[in-house]
PDB file of N, CA and C in Angstrom:
ATOM      1  N   MET A   1     155.181 -64.323 -82.487  1.00  0.00           N
ATOM      2  CA  MET A   1     153.973 -63.470 -82.242  1.00  0.00           C
ATOM      3  C   MET A   1     153.856 -62.400 -83.197  1.00  0.00           C
ATOM      4  N   CYS A   2     152.758 -62.192 -83.709  1.00  0.00           N
ATOM      5  CA  CYS A   2     152.592 -61.111 -84.707  1.00  0.00           C
ATOM      6  C   CYS A   2     152.709 -59.759 -84.056  1.00  0.00           C
ATOM      7  N   PRO A   3     153.191 -58.754 -84.882  1.00  0.00           N
ATOM      8  CA  PRO A   3     153.370 -57.389 -84.220  1.00  0.00           C
ATOM      9  C   PRO A   3     152.191 -56.761 -83.668  1.00  0.00           C
ATOM     10  N   ARG A   4     150.954 -56.954 -84.220  1.00  0.00           N
ATOM     11  CA  ARG A   4     149.811 -56.530 -83.663  1.00  0.00           C
ATOM     12  C   ARG A   4     149.516 -57.037 -82.204  1.00  0.00           C
ATOM     13  N   ARG A   5     149.693 -58.398 -82.067  1.00  0.00           N
ATOM     14  CA  ARG A   5     149.436 -59.028 -80.764  1.00  0.00           C
ATOM     15  C   ARG A   5     150.557 -58.589 -79.793  1.00  0.00           C
ATOM     16  N   GLU A   6     151.791 -58.298 -80.255  1.00  0.00           N
ATOM     17  CA  GLU A   6     152.722 -57.853 -79.353  1.00  0.00           C
ATOM     18  C   GLU A   6     152.340 -56.395 -78.800  1.00  0.00           C
ATOM     19  N   VAL A   7     151.826 -55.504 -79.746  1.00  0.00           N
ATOM     20  CA  VAL A   7     151.459 -54.174 -79.329  1.00  0.00           C
ATOM     21  C   VAL A   7     150.232 -54.337 -78.378  1.00  0.00           C
ATOM     22  N   MET A   8     149.249 -55.258 -78.656  1.00  0.00           N
ATOM     23  CA  MET A   8     148.104 -55.307 -77.815  1.00  0.00           C
ATOM     24  C   MET A   8     148.596 -55.759 -76.412  1.00  0.00           C
ATOM     25  N   SER A   9     149.505 -56.799 -76.430  1.00  0.00           N
ATOM     26  CA  SER A   9     150.001 -57.339 -75.217  1.00  0.00           C
ATOM     27  C   SER A   9     150.706 -56.262 -74.362  1.00  0.00           C
ATOM     28  N   SER A  10     151.348 -55.452 -75.004  1.00  0.00           N
ATOM     29  CA  SER A  10     152.201 -54.239 -74.332  1.00  0.00           C
ATOM     30  C   SER A  10     151.116 -53.309 -73.740  1.00  0.00           C
ATOM     31  N   MET A  11     150.202 -52.988 -74.571  1.00  0.00           N
ATOM     32  CA  MET A  11     149.173 -52.072 -74.069  1.00  0.00           C
ATOM     33  C   MET A  11     148.470 -52.662 -72.897  1.00  0.00           C
ATOM     34  N   HIS A  12     148.019 -53.822 -73.023  1.00  0.00           N
ATOM     35  CA  HIS A  12     147.262 -54.643 -71.900  1.00  0.00           C
ATOM     36  C   HIS A  12     148.182 -54.484 -70.535  1.00  0.00           C
ATOM     37  N   THR A  13     149.510 -54.584 -70.736  1.00  0.00           N
ATOM     38  CA  THR A  13     150.331 -54.614 -69.494  1.00  0.00           C
ATOM     39  C   THR A  13     150.288 -53.153 -68.843  1.00  0.00           C
ATOM     40  N   VAL A  14     150.443 -52.217 -69.884  1.00  0.00           N
ATOM     41  CA  VAL A  14     150.431 -50.833 -69.364  1.00  0.00           C
ATOM     42  C   VAL A  14     149.082 -50.396 -68.735  1.00  0.00           C
ATOM     43  N   VAL A  15     148.035 -50.873 -69.343  1.00  0.00           N
ATOM     44  CA  VAL A  15     146.674 -50.484 -68.761  1.00  0.00           C
ATOM     45  C   VAL A  15     146.517 -51.113 -67.443  1.00  0.00           C
ATOM     46  N   ASP A  16     146.872 -52.461 -67.315  1.00  0.00           N
ATOM     47  CA  ASP A  16     146.841 -53.127 -66.020  1.00  0.00           C
ATOM     48  C   ASP A  16     147.527 -52.428 -64.953  1.00  0.00           C
ATOM     49  N   ALA A  17     148.765 -51.989 -65.343  1.00  0.00           N
ATOM     50  CA  ALA A  17     149.714 -51.408 -64.359  1.00  0.00           C
ATOM     51  C   ALA A  17     149.128 -50.015 -63.909  1.00  0.00           C
ATOM     52  N   MET A  18     148.447 -49.322 -64.875  1.00  0.00           N
ATOM     53  CA  MET A  18     147.863 -47.991 -64.636  1.00  0.00           C
ATOM     54  C   MET A  18     146.532 -48.105 -63.791  1.00  0.00           C
ATOM     55  N   VAL A  19     145.747 -49.174 -64.066  1.00  0.00           N
ATOM     56  CA  VAL A  19     144.557 -49.376 -63.278  1.00  0.00           C
ATOM     57  C   VAL A  19     144.949 -49.939 -61.885  1.00  0.00           C
ATOM     58  N   ALA A  20     145.931 -50.589 -61.659  1.00  0.00           N
ATOM     59  CA  ALA A  20     146.317 -51.088 -60.330  1.00  0.00           C
ATOM     60  C   ALA A  20     146.877 -49.798 -59.546  1.00  0.00           C
ATOM     61  N   ARG A  21     147.528 -49.035 -60.215  1.00  0.00           N
ATOM     62  CA  ARG A  21     147.976 -47.799 -59.437  1.00  0.00           C
ATOM     63  C   ARG A  21     146.782 -46.892 -59.185  1.00  0.00           C
ATOM     64  N   LEU A  22     145.919 -46.670 -60.092  1.00  0.00           N
ATOM     65  CA  LEU A  22     144.725 -45.869 -59.750  1.00  0.00           C
ATOM     66  C   LEU A  22     143.865 -46.389 -58.629  1.00  0.00           C
ATOM     67  N   GLU A  23     143.767 -47.771 -58.662  1.00  0.00           N
ATOM     68  CA  GLU A  23     142.967 -48.514 -57.577  1.00  0.00           C
ATOM     69  C   GLU A  23     143.678 -48.233 -56.172  1.00  0.00           C
ATOM     70  N   ALA A  24     145.020 -48.246 -56.178  1.00  0.00           N
ATOM     71  CA  ALA A  24     145.627 -47.883 -54.993  1.00  0.00           C
ATOM     72  C   ALA A  24     145.442 -46.513 -54.449  1.00  0.00           C
ATOM     73  N   GLU A  25     145.281 -45.566 -55.374  1.00  0.00           N
ATOM     74  CA  GLU A  25     145.208 -44.212 -54.953  1.00  0.00           C
ATOM     75  C   GLU A  25     143.827 -43.550 -54.870  1.00  0.00           C
ATOM     76  N   PHE A  26     142.785 -44.192 -55.558  1.00  0.00           N
ATOM     77  CA  PHE A  26     141.447 -43.625 -55.578  1.00  0.00           C
ATOM     78  C   PHE A  26     140.420 -44.774 -55.126  1.00  0.00           C
ATOM     79  N   SER A  27     139.242 -44.271 -54.800  1.00  0.00           N
ATOM     80  CA  SER A  27     138.097 -45.192 -54.422  1.00  0.00           C
ATOM     81  C   SER A  27     137.632 -45.824 -55.820  1.00  0.00           C
ATOM     82  N   GLY A  28     136.794 -46.813 -55.663  1.00  0.00           N
ATOM     83  CA  GLY A  28     136.314 -47.565 -56.858  1.00  0.00           C
ATOM     84  C   GLY A  28     135.454 -46.787 -57.839  1.00  0.00           C
ATOM     85  N   GLU A  29     134.819 -45.646 -57.514  1.00  0.00           N
ATOM     86  CA  GLU A  29     134.024 -44.943 -58.525  1.00  0.00           C
ATOM     87  C   GLU A  29     134.629 -43.626 -58.996  1.00  0.00           C
ATOM     88  N   ASP A  30     135.976 -43.378 -58.605  1.00  0.00           N
ATOM     89  CA  ASP A  30     136.721 -42.196 -58.969  1.00  0.00           C
ATOM     90  C   ASP A  30     136.731 -42.264 -60.529  1.00  0.00           C
ATOM     91  N   LEU A  31     136.763 -41.052 -61.160  1.00  0.00           N
ATOM     92  CA  LEU A  31     136.815 -40.908 -62.558  1.00  0.00           C
ATOM     93  C   LEU A  31     138.022 -41.612 -63.240  1.00  0.00           C
ATOM     94  N   GLY A  32     139.278 -41.591 -62.550  1.00  0.00           N
ATOM     95  CA  GLY A  32     140.330 -42.136 -63.159  1.00  0.00           C
ATOM     96  C   GLY A  32     140.324 -43.684 -63.454  1.00  0.00           C
ATOM     97  N   LEU A  33     139.516 -44.313 -62.569  1.00  0.00           N
ATOM     98  CA  LEU A  33     139.325 -45.855 -62.796  1.00  0.00           C
ATOM     99  C   LEU A  33     138.513 -46.081 -63.951  1.00  0.00           C
ATOM    100  N   CYS A  34     137.586 -45.152 -64.316  1.00  0.00           N
ATOM    101  CA  CYS A  34     136.715 -45.292 -65.346  1.00  0.00           C
ATOM    102  C   CYS A  34     137.245 -45.630 -66.679  1.00  0.00           C
ATOM    103  N   PHE A  35     138.510 -45.328 -66.940  1.00  0.00           N
ATOM    104  CA  PHE A  35     139.161 -45.465 -68.264  1.00  0.00           C
ATOM    105  C   PHE A  35     139.482 -46.934 -68.595  1.00  0.00           C
ATOM    106  N   ASP A  36     139.048 -47.865 -67.626  1.00  0.00           N
ATOM    107  CA  ASP A  36     139.141 -49.274 -68.034  1.00  0.00           C
ATOM    108  C   ASP A  36     138.193 -49.526 -69.090  1.00  0.00           C
ATOM    109  N   VAL A  37     137.213 -48.760 -69.409  1.00  0.00           N
ATOM    110  CA  VAL A  37     136.314 -49.049 -70.616  1.00  0.00           C
ATOM    111  C   VAL A  37     137.123 -49.068 -71.942  1.00  0.00           C
ATOM    112  N   PHE A  38     138.334 -48.566 -72.035  1.00  0.00           N
ATOM    113  CA  PHE A  38     139.005 -48.563 -73.240  1.00  0.00           C
ATOM    114  C   PHE A  38     140.015 -49.549 -73.274  1.00  0.00           C
ATOM    115  N   ASP A  39     140.058 -50.564 -72.221  1.00  0.00           N
ATOM    116  CA  ASP A  39     140.910 -51.626 -72.266  1.00  0.00           C
ATOM    117  C   ASP A  39     140.327 -52.838 -73.071  1.00  0.00           C
ATOM    118  N   ILE A  40     140.879 -53.164 -74.171  1.00  0.00           N
ATOM    119  CA  ILE A  40     140.320 -54.254 -74.954  1.00  0.00           C
ATOM    120  C   ILE A  40     140.461 -55.611 -74.420  1.00  0.00           C
ATOM    121  N   GLY A  41     141.457 -55.751 -73.563  1.00  0.00           N
ATOM    122  CA  GLY A  41     141.607 -56.974 -72.764  1.00  0.00           C
ATOM    123  C   GLY A  41     140.422 -57.232 -71.832  1.00  0.00           C
ATOM    124  N   SER A  42     139.909 -56.238 -71.244  1.00  0.00           N
ATOM    125  CA  SER A  42     138.827 -56.404 -70.400  1.00  0.00           C
ATOM    126  C   SER A  42     137.538 -56.871 -71.221  1.00  0.00           C
ATOM    127  N   TRP A  43     137.293 -56.175 -72.325  1.00  0.00           N
ATOM    128  CA  TRP A  43     136.150 -56.525 -73.181  1.00  0.00           C
ATOM    129  C   TRP A  43     136.455 -57.940 -73.736  1.00  0.00           C
ATOM    130  N   SER A  44     137.646 -58.328 -74.084  1.00  0.00           N
ATOM    131  CA  SER A  44     137.932 -59.691 -74.543  1.00  0.00           C
ATOM    132  C   SER A  44     137.665 -60.617 -73.554  1.00  0.00           C
ATOM    133  N   LYS A  45     137.914 -60.359 -72.313  1.00  0.00           N
ATOM    134  CA  LYS A  45     137.531 -61.323 -71.260  1.00  0.00           C
ATOM    135  C   LYS A  45     136.050 -61.588 -71.042  1.00  0.00           C
ATOM    136  N   VAL A  46     135.253 -60.407 -71.281  1.00  0.00           N
ATOM    137  CA  VAL A  46     133.817 -60.634 -71.388  1.00  0.00           C
ATOM    138  C   VAL A  46     133.395 -61.727 -72.381  1.00  0.00           C
ATOM    139  N   TYR A  47     133.987 -61.642 -73.566  1.00  0.00           N
ATOM    140  CA  TYR A  47     133.620 -62.621 -74.533  1.00  0.00           C
ATOM    141  C   TYR A  47     134.250 -64.054 -74.265  1.00  0.00           C
ATOM    142  N   GLN A  48     135.453 -64.090 -73.635  1.00  0.00           N
ATOM    143  CA  GLN A  48     136.010 -65.466 -73.236  1.00  0.00           C
ATOM    144  C   GLN A  48     135.174 -65.943 -72.160  1.00  0.00           C
ATOM    145  N   LEU A  49     134.725 -65.266 -71.288  1.00  0.00           N
ATOM    146  CA  LEU A  49     133.891 -65.808 -70.195  1.00  0.00           C
ATOM    147  C   LEU A  49     132.539 -66.409 -70.808  1.00  0.00           C
ATOM    148  N   ARG A  50     131.963 -65.710 -71.756  1.00  0.00           N
ATOM    149  CA  ARG A  50     130.665 -66.171 -72.337  1.00  0.00           C
ATOM    150  C   ARG A  50     131.001 -67.417 -73.092  1.00  0.00           C
ATOM    151  N   ASP A  51     132.137 -67.427 -73.884  1.00  0.00           N
ATOM    152  CA  ASP A  51     132.577 -68.668 -74.610  1.00  0.00           C
ATOM    153  C   ASP A  51     132.624 -69.918 -73.677  1.00  0.00           C
ATOM    154  N   LYS A  52     133.076 -69.634 -72.484  1.00  0.00           N
ATOM    155  CA  LYS A  52     133.243 -70.736 -71.516  1.00  0.00           C
ATOM    156  C   LYS A  52     131.942 -71.053 -70.761  1.00  0.00           C
ATOM    157  N   GLY A  53     130.871 -70.406 -71.022  1.00  0.00           N
ATOM    158  CA  GLY A  53     129.556 -70.692 -70.359  1.00  0.00           C
ATOM    159  C   GLY A  53     129.471 -69.945 -69.097  1.00  0.00           C
ATOM    160  N   LYS A  54     130.293 -69.006 -68.762  1.00  0.00           N
ATOM    161  CA  LYS A  54     130.277 -68.292 -67.459  1.00  0.00           C
ATOM    162  C   LYS A  54     129.532 -66.934 -67.691  1.00  0.00           C
ATOM    163  N   GLU A  55     128.318 -67.055 -68.107  1.00  0.00           N
ATOM    164  CA  GLU A  55     127.508 -65.857 -68.435  1.00  0.00           C
ATOM    165  C   GLU A  55     127.340 -64.872 -67.314  1.00  0.00           C
ATOM    166  N   ASP A  56     127.188 -65.395 -65.992  1.00  0.00           N
ATOM    167  CA  ASP A  56     127.076 -64.506 -64.904  1.00  0.00           C
ATOM    168  C   ASP A  56     128.371 -63.633 -64.707  1.00  0.00           C
ATOM    169  N   ASP A  57     129.462 -64.301 -64.753  1.00  0.00           N
ATOM    170  CA  ASP A  57     130.652 -63.555 -64.686  1.00  0.00           C
ATOM    171  C   ASP A  57     130.927 -62.551 -65.812  1.00  0.00           C
ATOM    172  N   ALA A  58     130.452 -62.939 -67.021  1.00  0.00           N
ATOM    173  CA  ALA A  58     130.661 -62.068 -68.141  1.00  0.00           C
ATOM    174  C   ALA A  58     129.733 -60.867 -68.053  1.00  0.00           C
ATOM    175  N   LYS A  59     128.553 -61.128 -67.509  1.00  0.00           N
ATOM    176  CA  LYS A  59     127.618 -59.988 -67.430  1.00  0.00           C
ATOM    177  C   LYS A  59     128.119 -59.072 -66.227  1.00  0.00           C
ATOM    178  N   LYS A  60     128.645 -59.608 -65.310  1.00  0.00           N
ATOM    179  CA  LYS A  60     129.079 -58.797 -64.090  1.00  0.00           C
ATOM    180  C   LYS A  60     130.242 -57.758 -64.606  1.00  0.00           C
ATOM    181  N   LEU A  61     131.236 -58.337 -65.282  1.00  0.00           N
ATOM    182  CA  LEU A  61     132.355 -57.541 -65.793  1.00  0.00           C
ATOM    183  C   LEU A  61     131.808 -56.593 -66.811  1.00  0.00           C
ATOM    184  N   GLU A  62     130.920 -56.962 -67.720  1.00  0.00           N
ATOM    185  CA  GLU A  62     130.455 -56.064 -68.711  1.00  0.00           C
ATOM    186  C   GLU A  62     129.646 -54.981 -68.093  1.00  0.00           C
ATOM    187  N   GLN A  63     128.782 -55.108 -67.102  1.00  0.00           N
ATOM    188  CA  GLN A  63     128.007 -54.213 -66.428  1.00  0.00           C
ATOM    189  C   GLN A  63     129.033 -53.173 -65.655  1.00  0.00           C
ATOM    190  N   SER A  64     130.099 -53.655 -65.107  1.00  0.00           N
ATOM    191  CA  SER A  64     131.090 -52.914 -64.465  1.00  0.00           C
ATOM    192  C   SER A  64     131.745 -51.917 -65.586  1.00  0.00           C
ATOM    193  N   LEU A  65     132.056 -52.406 -66.742  1.00  0.00           N
ATOM    194  CA  LEU A  65     132.557 -51.510 -67.812  1.00  0.00           C
ATOM    195  C   LEU A  65     131.518 -50.524 -68.238  1.00  0.00           C
ATOM    196  N   LEU A  66     130.326 -50.954 -68.319  1.00  0.00           N
ATOM    197  CA  LEU A  66     129.263 -49.977 -68.874  1.00  0.00           C
ATOM    198  C   LEU A  66     128.925 -48.947 -67.714  1.00  0.00           C
ATOM    199  N   ARG A  67     129.026 -49.263 -66.397  1.00  0.00           N
ATOM    200  CA  ARG A  67     128.898 -48.380 -65.420  1.00  0.00           C
ATOM    201  C   ARG A  67     129.904 -47.301 -65.464  1.00  0.00           C
ATOM    202  N   HIS A  68     131.144 -47.714 -65.738  1.00  0.00           N
ATOM    203  CA  HIS A  68     132.291 -46.826 -65.825  1.00  0.00           C
ATOM    204  C   HIS A  68     132.157 -45.795 -67.130  1.00  0.00           C
ATOM    205  N   CYS A  69     131.497 -46.505 -68.147  1.00  0.00           N
ATOM    206  CA  CYS A  69     131.204 -45.652 -69.301  1.00  0.00           C
ATOM    207  C   CYS A  69     130.165 -44.506 -68.929  1.00  0.00           C
ATOM    208  N   ARG A  70     129.174 -44.940 -68.122  1.00  0.00           N
ATOM    209  CA  ARG A  70     128.226 -43.962 -67.746  1.00  0.00           C
ATOM    210  C   ARG A  70     128.720 -42.831 -66.930  1.00  0.00           C
ATOM    211  N   ARG A  71     129.777 -43.236 -66.036  1.00  0.00           N
ATOM    212  CA  ARG A  71     130.391 -42.206 -65.143  1.00  0.00           C
ATOM    213  C   ARG A  71     131.238 -41.284 -65.931  1.00  0.00           C
ATOM    214  N   LEU A  72     131.899 -41.761 -67.007  1.00  0.00           N
ATOM    215  CA  LEU A  72     132.687 -40.915 -67.821  1.00  0.00           C
ATOM    216  C   LEU A  72     131.748 -40.063 -68.489  1.00  0.00           C
ATOM    217  N   CYS A  73     130.653 -40.424 -69.108  1.00  0.00           N
ATOM    218  CA  CYS A  73     129.727 -39.743 -69.872  1.00  0.00           C
ATOM    219  C   CYS A  73     129.164 -38.568 -68.978  1.00  0.00           C
ATOM    220  N   GLN A  74     128.840 -38.918 -67.753  1.00  0.00           N
ATOM    221  CA  GLN A  74     128.331 -37.829 -66.886  1.00  0.00           C
ATOM    222  C   GLN A  74     129.336 -36.683 -66.702  1.00  0.00           C
ATOM    223  N   ALA A  75     130.589 -37.152 -66.467  1.00  0.00           N
ATOM    224  CA  ALA A  75     131.637 -36.153 -66.225  1.00  0.00           C
ATOM    225  C   ALA A  75     131.902 -35.333 -67.543  1.00  0.00           C
ATOM    226  N   LEU A  76     131.681 -35.895 -68.723  1.00  0.00           N
ATOM    227  CA  LEU A  76     131.964 -35.141 -69.903  1.00  0.00           C
ATOM    228  C   LEU A  76     130.562 -34.546 -70.444  1.00  0.00           C
ATOM    229  N   GLN A  77     129.553 -34.861 -69.851  1.00  0.00           N
ATOM    230  CA  GLN A  77     128.275 -34.376 -70.221  1.00  0.00           C
ATOM    231  C   GLN A  77     127.866 -34.839 -71.720  1.00  0.00           C
ATOM    232  N   LEU A  78     128.048 -36.244 -71.880  1.00  0.00           N
ATOM    233  CA  LEU A  78     127.764 -36.847 -73.038  1.00  0.00           C
ATOM    234  C   LEU A  78     126.587 -37.791 -72.886  1.00  0.00           C
ATOM    235  N   GLY A  79     125.945 -38.231 -73.947  1.00  0.00           N
ATOM    236  CA  GLY A  79     124.815 -39.120 -73.890  1.00  0.00           C
ATOM    237  C   GLY A  79     125.261 -40.526 -73.551  1.00  0.00           C
ATOM    238  N   ALA A  80     124.956 -41.121 -72.470  1.00  0.00           N
ATOM    239  CA  ALA A  80     125.520 -42.330 -71.949  1.00  0.00           C
ATOM    240  C   ALA A  80     125.090 -43.558 -72.812  1.00  0.00           C
ATOM    241  N   VAL A  81     123.845 -43.491 -73.244  1.00  0.00           N
ATOM    242  CA  VAL A  81     123.230 -44.762 -74.011  1.00  0.00           C
ATOM    243  C   VAL A  81     124.035 -44.759 -75.444  1.00  0.00           C
ATOM    244  N   GLU A  82     124.122 -43.555 -76.080  1.00  0.00           N
ATOM    245  CA  GLU A  82     124.866 -43.669 -77.342  1.00  0.00           C
ATOM    246  C   GLU A  82     126.311 -44.034 -77.164  1.00  0.00           C
ATOM    247  N   ALA A  83     126.968 -43.438 -76.140  1.00  0.00           N
ATOM    248  CA  ALA A  83     128.456 -43.786 -75.966  1.00  0.00           C
ATOM    249  C   ALA A  83     128.598 -45.214 -75.725  1.00  0.00           C
ATOM    250  N   ALA A  84     127.685 -45.756 -74.827  1.00  0.00           N
ATOM    251  CA  ALA A  84     127.807 -47.143 -74.448  1.00  0.00           C
ATOM    252  C   ALA A  84     127.725 -48.057 -75.668  1.00  0.00           C
ATOM    253  N   GLN A  85     126.623 -47.724 -76.625  1.00  0.00           N
ATOM    254  CA  GLN A  85     126.494 -48.672 -77.710  1.00  0.00           C
ATOM    255  C   GLN A  85     127.667 -48.529 -78.581  1.00  0.00           C
ATOM    256  N   GLU A  86     128.269 -47.337 -78.878  1.00  0.00           N
ATOM    257  CA  GLU A  86     129.436 -47.106 -79.714  1.00  0.00           C
ATOM    258  C   GLU A  86     130.573 -47.845 -79.160  1.00  0.00           C
ATOM    259  N   LEU A  87     130.850 -47.642 -77.875  1.00  0.00           N
ATOM    260  CA  LEU A  87     132.023 -48.352 -77.172  1.00  0.00           C
ATOM    261  C   LEU A  87     131.948 -49.884 -77.227  1.00  0.00           C
ATOM    262  N   ARG A  88     130.684 -50.312 -76.915  1.00  0.00           N
ATOM    263  CA  ARG A  88     130.502 -51.800 -77.038  1.00  0.00           C
ATOM    264  C   ARG A  88     130.686 -52.336 -78.379  1.00  0.00           C
ATOM    265  N   THR A  89     130.176 -51.709 -79.390  1.00  0.00           N
ATOM    266  CA  THR A  89     130.281 -52.152 -80.758  1.00  0.00           C
ATOM    267  C   THR A  89     131.737 -52.070 -81.221  1.00  0.00           C
ATOM    268  N   ALA A  90     132.520 -51.050 -80.891  1.00  0.00           N
ATOM    269  CA  ALA A  90     133.827 -50.919 -81.279  1.00  0.00           C
ATOM    270  C   ALA A  90     134.764 -52.025 -80.496  1.00  0.00           C
ATOM    271  N   ALA A  91     134.387 -52.237 -79.321  1.00  0.00           N
ATOM    272  CA  ALA A  91     135.143 -53.260 -78.473  1.00  0.00           C
ATOM    273  C   ALA A  91     134.880 -54.640 -79.128  1.00  0.00           C
ATOM    274  N   CYS A  92     133.593 -54.996 -79.497  1.00  0.00           N
ATOM    275  CA  CYS A  92     133.355 -56.283 -80.111  1.00  0.00           C
ATOM    276  C   CYS A  92     134.123 -56.441 -81.395  1.00  0.00           C
ATOM    277  N   LEU A  93     134.142 -55.273 -82.269  1.00  0.00           N
ATOM    278  CA  LEU A  93     134.875 -55.492 -83.492  1.00  0.00           C
ATOM    279  C   LEU A  93     136.410 -55.619 -83.260  1.00  0.00           C
ATOM    280  N   LEU A  94     136.890 -54.985 -82.312  1.00  0.00           N
ATOM    281  CA  LEU A  94     138.272 -55.160 -82.010  1.00  0.00           C
ATOM    282  C   LEU A  94     138.674 -56.371 -81.440  1.00  0.00           C
ATOM    283  N   VAL A  95     137.858 -56.971 -80.586  1.00  0.00           N
ATOM    284  CA  VAL A  95     138.068 -58.233 -79.996  1.00  0.00           C
ATOM    285  C   VAL A  95     138.022 -59.382 -80.959  1.00  0.00           C
ATOM    286  N   HIS A  96     137.101 -59.260 -81.995  1.00  0.00           N
ATOM    287  CA  HIS A  96     136.862 -60.326 -82.970  1.00  0.00           C
ATOM    288  C   HIS A  96     137.678 -60.006 -84.246  1.00  0.00           C
ATOM    289  N   GLN A  97     138.589 -59.101 -84.189  1.00  0.00           N
ATOM    290  CA  GLN A  97     139.414 -58.846 -85.372  1.00  0.00           C
ATOM    291  C   GLN A  97     140.372 -60.130 -85.663  1.00  0.00           C
ATOM    292  N   GLY A  98     140.341 -60.525 -86.809  1.00  0.00           N
ATOM    293  CA  GLY A  98     141.228 -61.720 -87.177  1.00  0.00           C
ATOM    294  C   GLY A  98     142.657 -61.492 -87.242  1.00  0.00           C
ATOM    295  N   SER A  99     143.437 -62.461 -87.321  1.00  0.00           N
ATOM    296  CA  SER A  99     144.874 -62.299 -87.299  1.00  0.00           C
ATOM    297  C   SER A  99     145.288 -61.799 -88.654  1.00  0.00           C
ATOM    298  N   ASP A 100     144.441 -61.819 -89.669  1.00  0.00           N
ATOM    299  CA  ASP A 100     144.703 -61.346 -90.969  1.00  0.00           C
ATOM    300  C   ASP A 100     144.627 -59.808 -91.036  1.00  0.00           C
ATOM    301  N   GLY A 101     143.978 -59.170 -90.014  1.00  0.00           N
ATOM    302  CA  GLY A 101     143.723 -57.728 -89.901  1.00  0.00           C
ATOM    303  C   GLY A 101     142.337 -57.402 -90.283  1.00  0.00           C
ATOM    304  N   LEU A 102     141.651 -58.309 -90.825  1.00  0.00           N
ATOM    305  CA  LEU A 102     140.212 -58.100 -91.169  1.00  0.00           C
ATOM    306  C   LEU A 102     139.281 -58.242 -90.056  1.00  0.00           C
ATOM    307  N   LEU A 103     138.172 -57.400 -90.008  1.00  0.00           N
ATOM    308  CA  LEU A 103     137.187 -57.611 -88.935  1.00  0.00           C
ATOM    309  C   LEU A 103     136.180 -58.536 -89.413  1.00  0.00           C
ATOM    310  N   SER A 104     135.831 -59.516 -88.454  1.00  0.00           N
ATOM    311  CA  SER A 104     134.708 -60.398 -88.661  1.00  0.00           C
ATOM    312  C   SER A 104     133.423 -59.542 -88.267  1.00  0.00           C
ATOM    313  N   MET A 105     132.618 -59.461 -89.347  1.00  0.00           N
ATOM    314  CA  MET A 105     131.371 -58.522 -89.058  1.00  0.00           C
ATOM    315  C   MET A 105     130.312 -59.397 -88.414  1.00  0.00           C
ATOM    316  N   GLU A 106     130.112 -59.015 -87.124  1.00  0.00           N
ATOM    317  CA  GLU A 106     129.053 -59.651 -86.346  1.00  0.00           C
ATOM    318  C   GLU A 106     127.915 -58.654 -86.122  1.00  0.00           C
ATOM    319  N   PRO A 107     126.697 -59.247 -85.867  1.00  0.00           N
ATOM    320  CA  PRO A 107     125.579 -58.395 -85.616  1.00  0.00           C
ATOM    321  C   PRO A 107     125.773 -57.591 -84.384  1.00  0.00           C
ATOM    322  N   ALA A 108     125.187 -56.408 -84.352  1.00  0.00           N
ATOM    323  CA  ALA A 108     125.254 -55.440 -83.181  1.00  0.00           C
ATOM    324  C   ALA A 108     124.639 -56.190 -82.083  1.00  0.00           C
ATOM    325  N   ILE A 109     125.196 -56.061 -80.779  1.00  0.00           N
ATOM    326  CA  ILE A 109     124.783 -56.598 -79.604  1.00  0.00           C
ATOM    327  C   ILE A 109     123.984 -55.569 -78.881  1.00  0.00           C
ATOM    328  N   PRO A 110     122.791 -55.889 -78.383  1.00  0.00           N
ATOM    329  CA  PRO A 110     122.025 -54.924 -77.599  1.00  0.00           C
ATOM    330  C   PRO A 110     122.818 -54.579 -76.265  1.00  0.00           C
ATOM    331  N   VAL A 111     122.650 -53.338 -75.818  1.00  0.00           N
ATOM    332  CA  VAL A 111     123.369 -52.742 -74.634  1.00  0.00           C
ATOM    333  C   VAL A 111     122.368 -52.557 -73.622  1.00  0.00           C
ATOM    334  N   THR A 112     122.766 -53.070 -72.401  1.00  0.00           N
ATOM    335  CA  THR A 112     121.984 -52.842 -71.178  1.00  0.00           C
ATOM    336  C   THR A 112     122.634 -51.614 -70.471  1.00  0.00           C
ATOM    337  N   ILE A 113     122.135 -50.505 -70.476  1.00  0.00           N
ATOM    338  CA  ILE A 113     122.910 -49.378 -69.938  1.00  0.00           C
ATOM    339  C   ILE A 113     122.373 -48.949 -68.523  1.00  0.00           C
ATOM    340  N   GLY A 114     121.024 -48.918 -68.307  1.00  0.00           N
ATOM    341  CA  GLY A 114     120.495 -48.427 -67.012  1.00  0.00           C
ATOM    342  C   GLY A 114     120.500 -49.447 -66.060  1.00  0.00           C
ATOM    343  N   SER A 115     120.459 -49.163 -64.735  1.00  0.00           N
ATOM    344  CA  SER A 115     120.408 -49.911 -63.538  1.00  0.00           C
ATOM    345  C   SER A 115     119.108 -50.762 -63.562  1.00  0.00           C
ATOM    346  N   SER A 116     118.098 -50.237 -64.281  1.00  0.00           N
ATOM    347  CA  SER A 116     116.794 -50.953 -64.357  1.00  0.00           C
ATOM    348  C   SER A 116     116.941 -52.135 -65.286  1.00  0.00           C
ATOM    349  N   GLY A 117     117.909 -52.237 -66.171  1.00  0.00           N
ATOM    350  CA  GLY A 117     118.093 -53.306 -67.055  1.00  0.00           C
ATOM    351  C   GLY A 117     117.313 -53.090 -68.355  1.00  0.00           C
ATOM    352  N   ALA A 118     116.792 -51.802 -68.562  1.00  0.00           N
ATOM    353  CA  ALA A 118     116.104 -51.457 -69.731  1.00  0.00           C
ATOM    354  C   ALA A 118     117.030 -51.459 -70.889  1.00  0.00           C
ATOM    355  N   ARG A 119     116.523 -51.807 -72.118  1.00  0.00           N
ATOM    356  CA  ARG A 119     117.482 -51.747 -73.236  1.00  0.00           C
ATOM    357  C   ARG A 119     116.923 -50.538 -74.118  1.00  0.00           C
ATOM    358  N   PRO A 120     117.906 -49.847 -74.715  1.00  0.00           N
ATOM    359  CA  PRO A 120     117.474 -48.699 -75.588  1.00  0.00           C
ATOM    360  C   PRO A 120     116.709 -49.158 -76.850  1.00  0.00           C
TER     361      PRO A 120
END
């Protein structure tokens, strides 16, 4: 296994353990649980589900991640739309990074941020 994958696997294990611990101690909308937006494994799962044709499951997971992004932005008094766009773009680039360490440049993906489904 390449060193980058080993690091990502270790990080994923740590994040999973941390999220499980937080879920045991806090309710579902507590700020501590919102840090799952930084888990590349969760974003990777969104793309894997889409690749398998499970669009509803992918959208549900992605909306959960974006909801947590909005919650963090509220707490930090940041612009939610801009933060979600940047986070989603960064996650897409990291998920699609090749084993050679180069990023595959894919077009920007529109972000659905509001509960109304409106796109920025």
